[in-house]
Amino acid sequence: ILANDQGITEVAFQQGKVAIDVLADYCVDAQQYPTHLDEAIKQLTEY
């Protein structure tokens, strides 16, 4: 689940996609997530 300061930019299954370790370079500490990314995590977990 990727986001910028405005909203969710991408939700992508990782099977056959860019390696997760490459994406990890973009990850920011969870304490710095914008509220909408936390909410996306919650809503997708509920889904």
ModelCIF file with pLDDT and N, C-alpha, C, O atoms, coordinates in Angstrom:
data_MODEL
#
_entry.id   MODEL 
#
_entity.id                         1 
_entity.type                       polymer 
_entity.pdbx_number_of_molecules   1 
#
_entity_poly.entity_id                      1 
_entity_poly.type                           'polypeptide(L)' 
_entity_poly.nstd_linkage                   no 
_entity_poly.nstd_monomer                   no 
_entity_poly.pdbx_seq_one_letter_code       ILANDQGITEVAFQQGKVAIDVLADYCVDAQQYPTHLDEAIKQLTEY 
_entity_poly.pdbx_seq_one_letter_code_can   ILANDQGITEVAFQQGKVAIDVLADYCVDAQQYPTHLDEAIKQLTEY 
_entity_poly.pdbx_strand_id                 A 
#
loop_
_entity_poly_seq.entity_id 
_entity_poly_seq.num 
_entity_poly_seq.mon_id 
_entity_poly_seq.hetero 
1 1  ILE n 
1 2  LEU n 
1 3  ALA n 
1 4  ASN n 
1 5  ASP n 
1 6  GLN n 
1 7  GLY n 
1 8  ILE n 
1 9  THR n 
1 10 GLU n 
1 11 VAL n 
1 12 ALA n 
1 13 PHE n 
1 14 GLN n 
1 15 GLN n 
1 16 GLY n 
1 17 LYS n 
1 18 VAL n 
1 19 ALA n 
1 20 ILE n 
1 21 ASP n 
1 22 VAL n 
1 23 LEU n 
1 24 ALA n 
1 25 ASP n 
1 26 TYR n 
1 27 CYS n 
1 28 VAL n 
1 29 ASP n 
1 30 ALA n 
1 31 GLN n 
1 32 GLN n 
1 33 TYR n 
1 34 PRO n 
1 35 THR n 
1 36 HIS n 
1 37 LEU n 
1 38 ASP n 
1 39 GLU n 
1 40 ALA n 
1 41 ILE n 
1 42 LYS n 
1 43 GLN n 
1 44 LEU n 
1 45 THR n 
1 46 GLU n 
1 47 TYR n 
#
_struct_asym.id          A 
_struct_asym.entity_id   1 
#
loop_
_ma_qa_metric.id 
_ma_qa_metric.mode 
_ma_qa_metric.name 
_ma_qa_metric.software_group_id 
_ma_qa_metric.type 
1 global pLDDT . pLDDT 
2 local  pLDDT . pLDDT 
#
_ma_qa_metric_global.metric_id      1 
_ma_qa_metric_global.metric_value   80.51 
_ma_qa_metric_global.model_id       1 
_ma_qa_metric_global.ordinal_id     1 
#
loop_
_ma_qa_metric_local.label_asym_id 
_ma_qa_metric_local.label_comp_id 
_ma_qa_metric_local.label_seq_id 
_ma_qa_metric_local.metric_id 
_ma_qa_metric_local.metric_value 
_ma_qa_metric_local.model_id 
_ma_qa_metric_local.ordinal_id 
A ILE 1  2 93.00 1 1  
A LEU 2  2 92.00 1 2  
A ALA 3  2 93.00 1 3  
A ASN 4  2 91.00 1 4  
A ASP 5  2 92.00 1 5  
A GLN 6  2 96.00 1 6  
A GLY 7  2 97.00 1 7  
A ILE 8  2 97.00 1 8  
A THR 9  2 95.00 1 9  
A GLU 10 2 94.00 1 10 
A VAL 11 2 95.00 1 11 
A ALA 12 2 92.00 1 12 
A PHE 13 2 92.00 1 13 
A GLN 14 2 87.00 1 14 
A GLN 15 2 76.00 1 15 
A GLY 16 2 56.00 1 16 
A LYS 17 2 53.00 1 17 
A VAL 18 2 51.00 1 18 
A ALA 19 2 49.00 1 19 
A ILE 20 2 51.00 1 20 
A ASP 21 2 53.00 1 21 
A VAL 22 2 53.00 1 22 
A LEU 23 2 59.00 1 23 
A ALA 24 2 58.00 1 24 
A ASP 25 2 60.00 1 25 
A TYR 26 2 60.00 1 26 
A CYS 27 2 63.00 1 27 
A VAL 28 2 60.00 1 28 
A ASP 29 2 55.00 1 29 
A ALA 30 2 55.00 1 30 
A GLN 31 2 64.00 1 31 
A GLN 32 2 74.00 1 32 
A TYR 33 2 81.00 1 33 
A PRO 34 2 89.00 1 34 
A THR 35 2 94.00 1 35 
A HIS 36 2 96.00 1 36 
A LEU 37 2 95.00 1 37 
A ASP 38 2 94.00 1 38 
A GLU 39 2 97.00 1 39 
A ALA 40 2 98.00 1 40 
A ILE 41 2 96.00 1 41 
A LYS 42 2 98.00 1 42 
A GLN 43 2 98.00 1 43 
A LEU 44 2 98.00 1 44 
A THR 45 2 98.00 1 45 
A GLU 46 2 98.00 1 46 
A TYR 47 2 98.00 1 47 
#
loop_
_atom_site.group_PDB 
_atom_site.id 
_atom_site.type_symbol 
_atom_site.label_atom_id 
_atom_site.label_alt_id 
_atom_site.label_comp_id 
_atom_site.label_asym_id 
_atom_site.label_entity_id 
_atom_site.label_seq_id 
_atom_site.pdbx_PDB_ins_code 
_atom_site.Cartn_x 
_atom_site.Cartn_y 
_atom_site.Cartn_z 
_atom_site.occupancy 
_atom_site.B_iso_or_equiv 
_atom_site.pdbx_formal_charge 
_atom_site.auth_seq_id 
_atom_site.auth_comp_id 
_atom_site.auth_asym_id 
_atom_site.auth_atom_id 
_atom_site.pdbx_PDB_model_num 
ATOM 1   N N  . ILE A 1 1  ? 0.875   -1.165  0.000   1.00 93.00 ? 1  ILE A N  1 
ATOM 2   C CA . ILE A 1 1  ? 0.000   0.000   0.000   1.00 93.00 ? 1  ILE A CA 1 
ATOM 3   C C  . ILE A 1 1  ? 0.913   1.216   0.000   1.00 93.00 ? 1  ILE A C  1 
ATOM 4   O O  . ILE A 1 1  ? 1.691   1.412   0.934   1.00 93.00 ? 1  ILE A O  1 
ATOM 5   N N  . LEU A 1 2  ? 0.822   2.024   -1.033  1.00 92.00 ? 2  LEU A N  1 
ATOM 6   C CA . LEU A 1 2  ? 1.657   3.218   -1.145  1.00 92.00 ? 2  LEU A CA 1 
ATOM 7   C C  . LEU A 1 2  ? 0.779   4.450   -1.072  1.00 92.00 ? 2  LEU A C  1 
ATOM 8   O O  . LEU A 1 2  ? -0.362  4.447   -1.533  1.00 92.00 ? 2  LEU A O  1 
ATOM 9   N N  . ALA A 1 3  ? 1.326   5.501   -0.487  1.00 93.00 ? 3  ALA A N  1 
ATOM 10  C CA . ALA A 1 3  ? 0.584   6.748   -0.347  1.00 93.00 ? 3  ALA A CA 1 
ATOM 11  C C  . ALA A 1 3  ? 1.542   7.920   -0.434  1.00 93.00 ? 3  ALA A C  1 
ATOM 12  O O  . ALA A 1 3  ? 2.736   7.794   -0.165  1.00 93.00 ? 3  ALA A O  1 
ATOM 13  N N  . ASN A 1 4  ? 0.990   9.064   -0.817  1.00 91.00 ? 4  ASN A N  1 
ATOM 14  C CA . ASN A 1 4  ? 1.715   10.322  -0.679  1.00 91.00 ? 4  ASN A CA 1 
ATOM 15  C C  . ASN A 1 4  ? 0.939   11.156  0.335   1.00 91.00 ? 4  ASN A C  1 
ATOM 16  O O  . ASN A 1 4  ? 0.047   10.636  1.005   1.00 91.00 ? 4  ASN A O  1 
ATOM 17  N N  . ASP A 1 5  ? 1.261   12.418  0.453   1.00 92.00 ? 5  ASP A N  1 
ATOM 18  C CA . ASP A 1 5  ? 0.585   13.242  1.461   1.00 92.00 ? 5  ASP A CA 1 
ATOM 19  C C  . ASP A 1 5  ? -0.874  13.522  1.108   1.00 92.00 ? 5  ASP A C  1 
ATOM 20  O O  . ASP A 1 5  ? -1.656  13.912  1.976   1.00 92.00 ? 5  ASP A O  1 
ATOM 21  N N  . GLN A 1 6  ? -1.252  13.326  -0.172  1.00 96.00 ? 6  GLN A N  1 
ATOM 22  C CA . GLN A 1 6  ? -2.621  13.614  -0.595  1.00 96.00 ? 6  GLN A CA 1 
ATOM 23  C C  . GLN A 1 6  ? -3.559  12.406  -0.492  1.00 96.00 ? 6  GLN A C  1 
ATOM 24  O O  . GLN A 1 6  ? -4.756  12.571  -0.256  1.00 96.00 ? 6  GLN A O  1 
ATOM 25  N N  . GLY A 1 7  ? -3.024  11.200  -0.666  1.00 97.00 ? 7  GLY A N  1 
ATOM 26  C CA . GLY A 1 7  ? -3.893  10.032  -0.641  1.00 97.00 ? 7  GLY A CA 1 
ATOM 27  C C  . GLY A 1 7  ? -3.163  8.762   -1.021  1.00 97.00 ? 7  GLY A C  1 
ATOM 28  O O  . GLY A 1 7  ? -1.937  8.737   -1.127  1.00 97.00 ? 7  GLY A O  1 
ATOM 29  N N  . ILE A 1 8  ? -3.934  7.711   -1.223  1.00 97.00 ? 8  ILE A N  1 
ATOM 30  C CA . ILE A 1 8  ? -3.402  6.408   -1.599  1.00 97.00 ? 8  ILE A CA 1 
ATOM 31  C C  . ILE A 1 8  ? -3.035  6.459   -3.081  1.00 97.00 ? 8  ILE A C  1 
ATOM 32  O O  . ILE A 1 8  ? -3.846  6.865   -3.913  1.00 97.00 ? 8  ILE A O  1 
ATOM 33  N N  . THR A 1 9  ? -1.813  6.047   -3.404  1.00 95.00 ? 9  THR A N  1 
ATOM 34  C CA . THR A 1 9  ? -1.349  6.091   -4.786  1.00 95.00 ? 9  THR A CA 1 
ATOM 35  C C  . THR A 1 9  ? -1.313  4.712   -5.436  1.00 95.00 ? 9  THR A C  1 
ATOM 36  O O  . THR A 1 9  ? -1.406  4.599   -6.658  1.00 95.00 ? 9  THR A O  1 
ATOM 37  N N  . GLU A 1 10 ? -1.179  3.675   -4.635  1.00 94.00 ? 10 GLU A N  1 
ATOM 38  C CA . GLU A 1 10 ? -1.099  2.339   -5.218  1.00 94.00 ? 10 GLU A CA 1 
ATOM 39  C C  . GLU A 1 10 ? -1.416  1.284   -4.163  1.00 94.00 ? 10 GLU A C  1 
ATOM 40  O O  . GLU A 1 10 ? -1.041  1.412   -2.998  1.00 94.00 ? 10 GLU A O  1 
ATOM 41  N N  . VAL A 1 11 ? -2.112  0.247   -4.598  1.00 95.00 ? 11 VAL A N  1 
ATOM 42  C CA . VAL A 1 11 ? -2.325  -0.962  -3.810  1.00 95.00 ? 11 VAL A CA 1 
ATOM 43  C C  . VAL A 1 11 ? -2.021  -2.093  -4.777  1.00 95.00 ? 11 VAL A C  1 
ATOM 44  O O  . VAL A 1 11 ? -2.744  -2.284  -5.754  1.00 95.00 ? 11 VAL A O  1 
ATOM 45  N N  . ALA A 1 12 ? -0.955  -2.846  -4.515  1.00 92.00 ? 12 ALA A N  1 
ATOM 46  C CA . ALA A 1 12 ? -0.494  -3.835  -5.479  1.00 92.00 ? 12 ALA A CA 1 
ATOM 47  C C  . ALA A 1 12 ? -0.101  -5.141  -4.808  1.00 92.00 ? 12 ALA A C  1 
ATOM 48  O O  . ALA A 1 12 ? 0.629   -5.157  -3.817  1.00 92.00 ? 12 ALA A O  1 
ATOM 49  N N  . PHE A 1 13 ? -0.601  -6.237  -5.371  1.00 92.00 ? 13 PHE A N  1 
ATOM 50  C CA . PHE A 1 13 ? -0.187  -7.554  -4.912  1.00 92.00 ? 13 PHE A CA 1 
ATOM 51  C C  . PHE A 1 13 ? 1.265   -7.753  -5.295  1.00 92.00 ? 13 PHE A C  1 
ATOM 52  O O  . PHE A 1 13 ? 1.673   -7.380  -6.395  1.00 92.00 ? 13 PHE A O  1 
ATOM 53  N N  . GLN A 1 14 ? 2.043   -8.330  -4.412  1.00 87.00 ? 14 GLN A N  1 
ATOM 54  C CA . GLN A 1 14 ? 3.481   -8.452  -4.623  1.00 87.00 ? 14 GLN A CA 1 
ATOM 55  C C  . GLN A 1 14 ? 3.904   -9.711  -5.346  1.00 87.00 ? 14 GLN A C  1 
ATOM 56  O O  . GLN A 1 14 ? 5.065   -9.840  -5.734  1.00 87.00 ? 14 GLN A O  1 
ATOM 57  N N  . GLN A 1 15 ? 2.995   -10.632 -5.532  1.00 76.00 ? 15 GLN A N  1 
ATOM 58  C CA . GLN A 1 15 ? 3.304   -11.863 -6.257  1.00 76.00 ? 15 GLN A CA 1 
ATOM 59  C C  . GLN A 1 15 ? 3.662   -11.505 -7.700  1.00 76.00 ? 15 GLN A C  1 
ATOM 60  O O  . GLN A 1 15 ? 2.830   -10.995 -8.450  1.00 76.00 ? 15 GLN A O  1 
ATOM 61  N N  . GLY A 1 16 ? 4.891   -11.776 -8.070  1.00 56.00 ? 16 GLY A N  1 
ATOM 62  C CA . GLY A 1 16 ? 5.336   -11.506 -9.429  1.00 56.00 ? 16 GLY A CA 1 
ATOM 63  C C  . GLY A 1 16 ? 5.610   -10.041 -9.718  1.00 56.00 ? 16 GLY A C  1 
ATOM 64  O O  . GLY A 1 16 ? 5.766   -9.663  -10.879 1.00 56.00 ? 16 GLY A O  1 
ATOM 65  N N  . LYS A 1 17 ? 5.671   -9.219  -8.698  1.00 53.00 ? 17 LYS A N  1 
ATOM 66  C CA . LYS A 1 17 ? 5.891   -7.784  -8.878  1.00 53.00 ? 17 LYS A CA 1 
ATOM 67  C C  . LYS A 1 17 ? 7.269   -7.395  -8.361  1.00 53.00 ? 17 LYS A C  1 
ATOM 68  O O  . LYS A 1 17 ? 8.120   -8.248  -8.112  1.00 53.00 ? 17 LYS A O  1 
ATOM 69  N N  . VAL A 1 18 ? 7.469   -6.103  -8.205  1.00 51.00 ? 18 VAL A N  1 
ATOM 70  C CA . VAL A 1 18 ? 8.719   -5.574  -7.662  1.00 51.00 ? 18 VAL A CA 1 
ATOM 71  C C  . VAL A 1 18 ? 8.981   -6.234  -6.317  1.00 51.00 ? 18 VAL A C  1 
ATOM 72  O O  . VAL A 1 18 ? 8.074   -6.357  -5.494  1.00 51.00 ? 18 VAL A O  1 
ATOM 73  N N  . ALA A 1 19 ? 10.183  -6.645  -6.102  1.00 49.00 ? 19 ALA A N  1 
ATOM 74  C CA . ALA A 1 19 ? 10.534  -7.321  -4.847  1.00 49.00 ? 19 ALA A CA 1 
ATOM 75  C C  . ALA A 1 19 ? 10.232  -6.422  -3.655  1.00 49.00 ? 19 ALA A C  1 
ATOM 76  O O  . ALA A 1 19 ? 10.441  -5.210  -3.705  1.00 49.00 ? 19 ALA A O  1 
ATOM 77  N N  . ILE A 1 20 ? 9.742   -7.030  -2.593  1.00 51.00 ? 20 ILE A N  1 
ATOM 78  C CA . ILE A 1 20 ? 9.386   -6.281  -1.392  1.00 51.00 ? 20 ILE A CA 1 
ATOM 79  C C  . ILE A 1 20 ? 10.592  -5.544  -0.823  1.00 51.00 ? 20 ILE A C  1 
ATOM 80  O O  . ILE A 1 20 ? 10.441  -4.441  -0.298  1.00 51.00 ? 20 ILE A O  1 
ATOM 81  N N  . ASP A 1 21 ? 11.795  -6.134  -0.915  1.00 53.00 ? 21 ASP A N  1 
ATOM 82  C CA . ASP A 1 21 ? 12.961  -5.456  -0.365  1.00 53.00 ? 21 ASP A CA 1 
ATOM 83  C C  . ASP A 1 21 ? 13.271  -4.170  -1.125  1.00 53.00 ? 21 ASP A C  1 
ATOM 84  O O  . ASP A 1 21 ? 13.838  -3.240  -0.551  1.00 53.00 ? 21 ASP A O  1 
ATOM 85  N N  . VAL A 1 22 ? 12.907  -4.099  -2.411  1.00 53.00 ? 22 VAL A N  1 
ATOM 86  C CA . VAL A 1 22 ? 13.076  -2.850  -3.161  1.00 53.00 ? 22 VAL A CA 1 
ATOM 87  C C  . VAL A 1 22 ? 12.073  -1.821  -2.652  1.00 53.00 ? 22 VAL A C  1 
ATOM 88  O O  . VAL A 1 22 ? 12.417  -0.655  -2.457  1.00 53.00 ? 22 VAL A O  1 
ATOM 89  N N  . LEU A 1 23 ? 10.829  -2.254  -2.437  1.00 59.00 ? 23 LEU A N  1 
ATOM 90  C CA . LEU A 1 23 ? 9.822   -1.334  -1.916  1.00 59.00 ? 23 LEU A CA 1 
ATOM 91  C C  . LEU A 1 23 ? 10.192  -0.832  -0.526  1.00 59.00 ? 23 LEU A C  1 
ATOM 92  O O  . LEU A 1 23 ? 9.861   0.296   -0.162  1.00 59.00 ? 23 LEU A O  1 
ATOM 93  N N  . ALA A 1 24 ? 10.869  -1.659  0.241   1.00 58.00 ? 24 ALA A N  1 
ATOM 94  C CA . ALA A 1 24 ? 11.248  -1.267  1.598   1.00 58.00 ? 24 ALA A CA 1 
ATOM 95  C C  . ALA A 1 24 ? 12.091  0.006   1.600   1.00 58.00 ? 24 ALA A C  1 
ATOM 96  O O  . ALA A 1 24 ? 12.097  0.738   2.590   1.00 58.00 ? 24 ALA A O  1 
ATOM 97  N N  . ASP A 1 25 ? 12.801  0.279   0.507   1.00 60.00 ? 25 ASP A N  1 
ATOM 98  C CA . ASP A 1 25 ? 13.579  1.514   0.424   1.00 60.00 ? 25 ASP A CA 1 
ATOM 99  C C  . ASP A 1 25 ? 12.688  2.746   0.510   1.00 60.00 ? 25 ASP A C  1 
ATOM 100 O O  . ASP A 1 25 ? 13.133  3.818   0.922   1.00 60.00 ? 25 ASP A O  1 
ATOM 101 N N  . TYR A 1 26 ? 11.419  2.586   0.118   1.00 60.00 ? 26 TYR A N  1 
ATOM 102 C CA . TYR A 1 26 ? 10.483  3.714   0.140   1.00 60.00 ? 26 TYR A CA 1 
ATOM 103 C C  . TYR A 1 26 ? 9.737   3.835   1.463   1.00 60.00 ? 26 TYR A C  1 
ATOM 104 O O  . TYR A 1 26 ? 9.154   4.876   1.765   1.00 60.00 ? 26 TYR A O  1 
ATOM 105 N N  . CYS A 1 27 ? 9.761   2.777   2.235   1.00 63.00 ? 27 CYS A N  1 
ATOM 106 C CA . CYS A 1 27 ? 8.972   2.765   3.458   1.00 63.00 ? 27 CYS A CA 1 
ATOM 107 C C  . CYS A 1 27 ? 9.517   3.748   4.488   1.00 63.00 ? 27 CYS A C  1 
ATOM 108 O O  . CYS A 1 27 ? 10.725  3.877   4.683   1.00 63.00 ? 27 CYS A O  1 
ATOM 109 N N  . VAL A 1 28 ? 8.601   4.422   5.128   1.00 60.00 ? 28 VAL A N  1 
ATOM 110 C CA . VAL A 1 28 ? 8.917   5.377   6.177   1.00 60.00 ? 28 VAL A CA 1 
ATOM 111 C C  . VAL A 1 28 ? 8.405   4.784   7.478   1.00 60.00 ? 28 VAL A C  1 
ATOM 112 O O  . VAL A 1 28 ? 7.397   4.078   7.482   1.00 60.00 ? 28 VAL A O  1 
ATOM 113 N N  . ASP A 1 29 ? 9.072   5.055   8.559   1.00 55.00 ? 29 ASP A N  1 
ATOM 114 C CA . ASP A 1 29 ? 8.677   4.540   9.868   1.00 55.00 ? 29 ASP A CA 1 
ATOM 115 C C  . ASP A 1 29 ? 7.179   4.746   10.099  1.00 55.00 ? 29 ASP A C  1 
ATOM 116 O O  . ASP A 1 29 ? 6.636   5.806   9.785   1.00 55.00 ? 29 ASP A O  1 
ATOM 117 N N  . ALA A 1 30 ? 6.517   3.726   10.650  1.00 55.00 ? 30 ALA A N  1 
ATOM 118 C CA . ALA A 1 30 ? 5.067   3.755   10.843  1.00 55.00 ? 30 ALA A CA 1 
ATOM 119 C C  . ALA A 1 30 ? 4.601   4.952   11.662  1.00 55.00 ? 30 ALA A C  1 
ATOM 120 O O  . ALA A 1 30 ? 3.459   5.386   11.513  1.00 55.00 ? 30 ALA A O  1 
ATOM 121 N N  . GLN A 1 31 ? 5.451   5.492   12.518  1.00 64.00 ? 31 GLN A N  1 
ATOM 122 C CA . GLN A 1 31 ? 5.066   6.658   13.313  1.00 64.00 ? 31 GLN A CA 1 
ATOM 123 C C  . GLN A 1 31 ? 4.887   7.894   12.428  1.00 64.00 ? 31 GLN A C  1 
ATOM 124 O O  . GLN A 1 31 ? 4.280   8.878   12.850  1.00 64.00 ? 31 GLN A O  1 
ATOM 125 N N  . GLN A 1 32 ? 5.409   7.842   11.213  1.00 74.00 ? 32 GLN A N  1 
ATOM 126 C CA . GLN A 1 32 ? 5.321   8.979   10.321  1.00 74.00 ? 32 GLN A CA 1 
ATOM 127 C C  . GLN A 1 32 ? 4.251   8.814   9.239   1.00 74.00 ? 32 GLN A C  1 
ATOM 128 O O  . GLN A 1 32 ? 4.100   9.695   8.393   1.00 74.00 ? 32 GLN A O  1 
ATOM 129 N N  . TYR A 1 33 ? 3.510   7.708   9.248   1.00 81.00 ? 33 TYR A N  1 
ATOM 130 C CA . TYR A 1 33 ? 2.479   7.490   8.232   1.00 81.00 ? 33 TYR A CA 1 
ATOM 131 C C  . TYR A 1 33 ? 1.435   8.594   8.294   1.00 81.00 ? 33 TYR A C  1 
ATOM 132 O O  . TYR A 1 33 ? 1.059   9.033   9.380   1.00 81.00 ? 33 TYR A O  1 
ATOM 133 N N  . PRO A 1 34 ? 0.964   9.046   7.133   1.00 89.00 ? 34 PRO A N  1 
ATOM 134 C CA . PRO A 1 34 ? -0.195  9.945   7.151   1.00 89.00 ? 34 PRO A CA 1 
ATOM 135 C C  . PRO A 1 34 ? -1.425  9.162   7.607   1.00 89.00 ? 34 PRO A C  1 
ATOM 136 O O  . PRO A 1 34 ? -1.483  7.942   7.450   1.00 89.00 ? 34 PRO A O  1 
ATOM 137 N N  . THR A 1 35 ? -2.377  9.844   8.154   1.00 94.00 ? 35 THR A N  1 
ATOM 138 C CA . THR A 1 35 ? -3.582  9.209   8.682   1.00 94.00 ? 35 THR A CA 1 
ATOM 139 C C  . THR A 1 35 ? -4.266  8.331   7.647   1.00 94.00 ? 35 THR A C  1 
ATOM 140 O O  . THR A 1 35 ? -4.759  7.252   7.976   1.00 94.00 ? 35 THR A O  1 
ATOM 141 N N  . HIS A 1 36 ? -4.301  8.792   6.380   1.00 96.00 ? 36 HIS A N  1 
ATOM 142 C CA . HIS A 1 36 ? -5.011  8.008   5.363   1.00 96.00 ? 36 HIS A CA 1 
ATOM 143 C C  . HIS A 1 36 ? -4.322  6.681   5.064   1.00 96.00 ? 36 HIS A C  1 
ATOM 144 O O  . HIS A 1 36 ? -4.990  5.738   4.640   1.00 96.00 ? 36 HIS A O  1 
ATOM 145 N N  . LEU A 1 37 ? -3.016  6.574   5.269   1.00 95.00 ? 37 LEU A N  1 
ATOM 146 C CA . LEU A 1 37 ? -2.361  5.275   5.078   1.00 95.00 ? 37 LEU A CA 1 
ATOM 147 C C  . LEU A 1 37 ? -2.733  4.337   6.225   1.00 95.00 ? 37 LEU A C  1 
ATOM 148 O O  . LEU A 1 37 ? -3.012  3.160   5.996   1.00 95.00 ? 37 LEU A O  1 
ATOM 149 N N  . ASP A 1 38 ? -2.739  4.844   7.440   1.00 94.00 ? 38 ASP A N  1 
ATOM 150 C CA . ASP A 1 38 ? -3.190  4.027   8.573   1.00 94.00 ? 38 ASP A CA 1 
ATOM 151 C C  . ASP A 1 38 ? -4.627  3.554   8.347   1.00 94.00 ? 38 ASP A C  1 
ATOM 152 O O  . ASP A 1 38 ? -4.963  2.405   8.633   1.00 94.00 ? 38 ASP A O  1 
ATOM 153 N N  . GLU A 1 39 ? -5.469  4.451   7.831   1.00 97.00 ? 39 GLU A N  1 
ATOM 154 C CA . GLU A 1 39 ? -6.864  4.105   7.586   1.00 97.00 ? 39 GLU A CA 1 
ATOM 155 C C  . GLU A 1 39 ? -6.975  3.073   6.461   1.00 97.00 ? 39 GLU A C  1 
ATOM 156 O O  . GLU A 1 39 ? -7.826  2.186   6.529   1.00 97.00 ? 39 GLU A O  1 
ATOM 157 N N  . ALA A 1 40 ? -6.144  3.170   5.441   1.00 98.00 ? 40 ALA A N  1 
ATOM 158 C CA . ALA A 1 40 ? -6.149  2.183   4.351   1.00 98.00 ? 40 ALA A CA 1 
ATOM 159 C C  . ALA A 1 40 ? -5.764  0.805   4.882   1.00 98.00 ? 40 ALA A C  1 
ATOM 160 O O  . ALA A 1 40 ? -6.377  -0.198  4.516   1.00 98.00 ? 40 ALA A O  1 
ATOM 161 N N  . ILE A 1 41 ? -4.758  0.757   5.736   1.00 96.00 ? 41 ILE A N  1 
ATOM 162 C CA . ILE A 1 41 ? -4.338  -0.513  6.346   1.00 96.00 ? 41 ILE A CA 1 
ATOM 163 C C  . ILE A 1 41 ? -5.513  -1.115  7.117   1.00 96.00 ? 41 ILE A C  1 
ATOM 164 O O  . ILE A 1 41 ? -5.795  -2.307  6.995   1.00 96.00 ? 41 ILE A O  1 
ATOM 165 N N  . LYS A 1 42 ? -6.187  -0.298  7.900   1.00 98.00 ? 42 LYS A N  1 
ATOM 166 C CA . LYS A 1 42 ? -7.335  -0.752  8.694   1.00 98.00 ? 42 LYS A CA 1 
ATOM 167 C C  . LYS A 1 42 ? -8.460  -1.250  7.786   1.00 98.00 ? 42 LYS A C  1 
ATOM 168 O O  . LYS A 1 42 ? -8.997  -2.337  7.996   1.00 98.00 ? 42 LYS A O  1 
ATOM 169 N N  . GLN A 1 43 ? -8.811  -0.455  6.779   1.00 98.00 ? 43 GLN A N  1 
ATOM 170 C CA . GLN A 1 43 ? -9.928  -0.825  5.907   1.00 98.00 ? 43 GLN A CA 1 
ATOM 171 C C  . GLN A 1 43 ? -9.622  -2.069  5.073   1.00 98.00 ? 43 GLN A C  1 
ATOM 172 O O  . GLN A 1 43 ? -10.501 -2.908  4.880   1.00 98.00 ? 43 GLN A O  1 
ATOM 173 N N  . LEU A 1 44 ? -8.395  -2.202  4.578   1.00 98.00 ? 44 LEU A N  1 
ATOM 174 C CA . LEU A 1 44 ? -8.038  -3.396  3.812   1.00 98.00 ? 44 LEU A CA 1 
ATOM 175 C C  . LEU A 1 44 ? -7.993  -4.641  4.703   1.00 98.00 ? 44 LEU A C  1 
ATOM 176 O O  . LEU A 1 44 ? -8.372  -5.728  4.267   1.00 98.00 ? 44 LEU A O  1 
ATOM 177 N N  . THR A 1 45 ? -7.538  -4.487  5.932   1.00 98.00 ? 45 THR A N  1 
ATOM 178 C CA . THR A 1 45 ? -7.559  -5.602  6.886   1.00 98.00 ? 45 THR A CA 1 
ATOM 179 C C  . THR A 1 45 ? -8.997  -6.042  7.123   1.00 98.00 ? 45 THR A C  1 
ATOM 180 O O  . THR A 1 45 ? -9.282  -7.240  7.149   1.00 98.00 ? 45 THR A O  1 
ATOM 181 N N  . GLU A 1 46 ? -9.902  -5.091  7.295   1.00 98.00 ? 46 GLU A N  1 
ATOM 182 C CA . GLU A 1 46 ? -11.323 -5.405  7.477   1.00 98.00 ? 46 GLU A CA 1 
ATOM 183 C C  . GLU A 1 46 ? -11.895 -6.092  6.232   1.00 98.00 ? 46 GLU A C  1 
ATOM 184 O O  . GLU A 1 46 ? -12.679 -7.034  6.347   1.00 98.00 ? 46 GLU A O  1 
ATOM 185 N N  . TYR A 1 47 ? -11.503 -5.623  5.046   1.00 98.00 ? 47 TYR A N  1 
ATOM 186 C CA . TYR A 1 47 ? -11.958 -6.227  3.793   1.00 98.00 ? 47 TYR A CA 1 
ATOM 187 C C  . TYR A 1 47 ? -11.555 -7.701  3.742   1.00 98.00 ? 47 TYR A C  1 
ATOM 188 O O  . TYR A 1 47 ? -11.848 -8.387  2.764   1.00 98.00 ? 47 TYR A O  1 
#
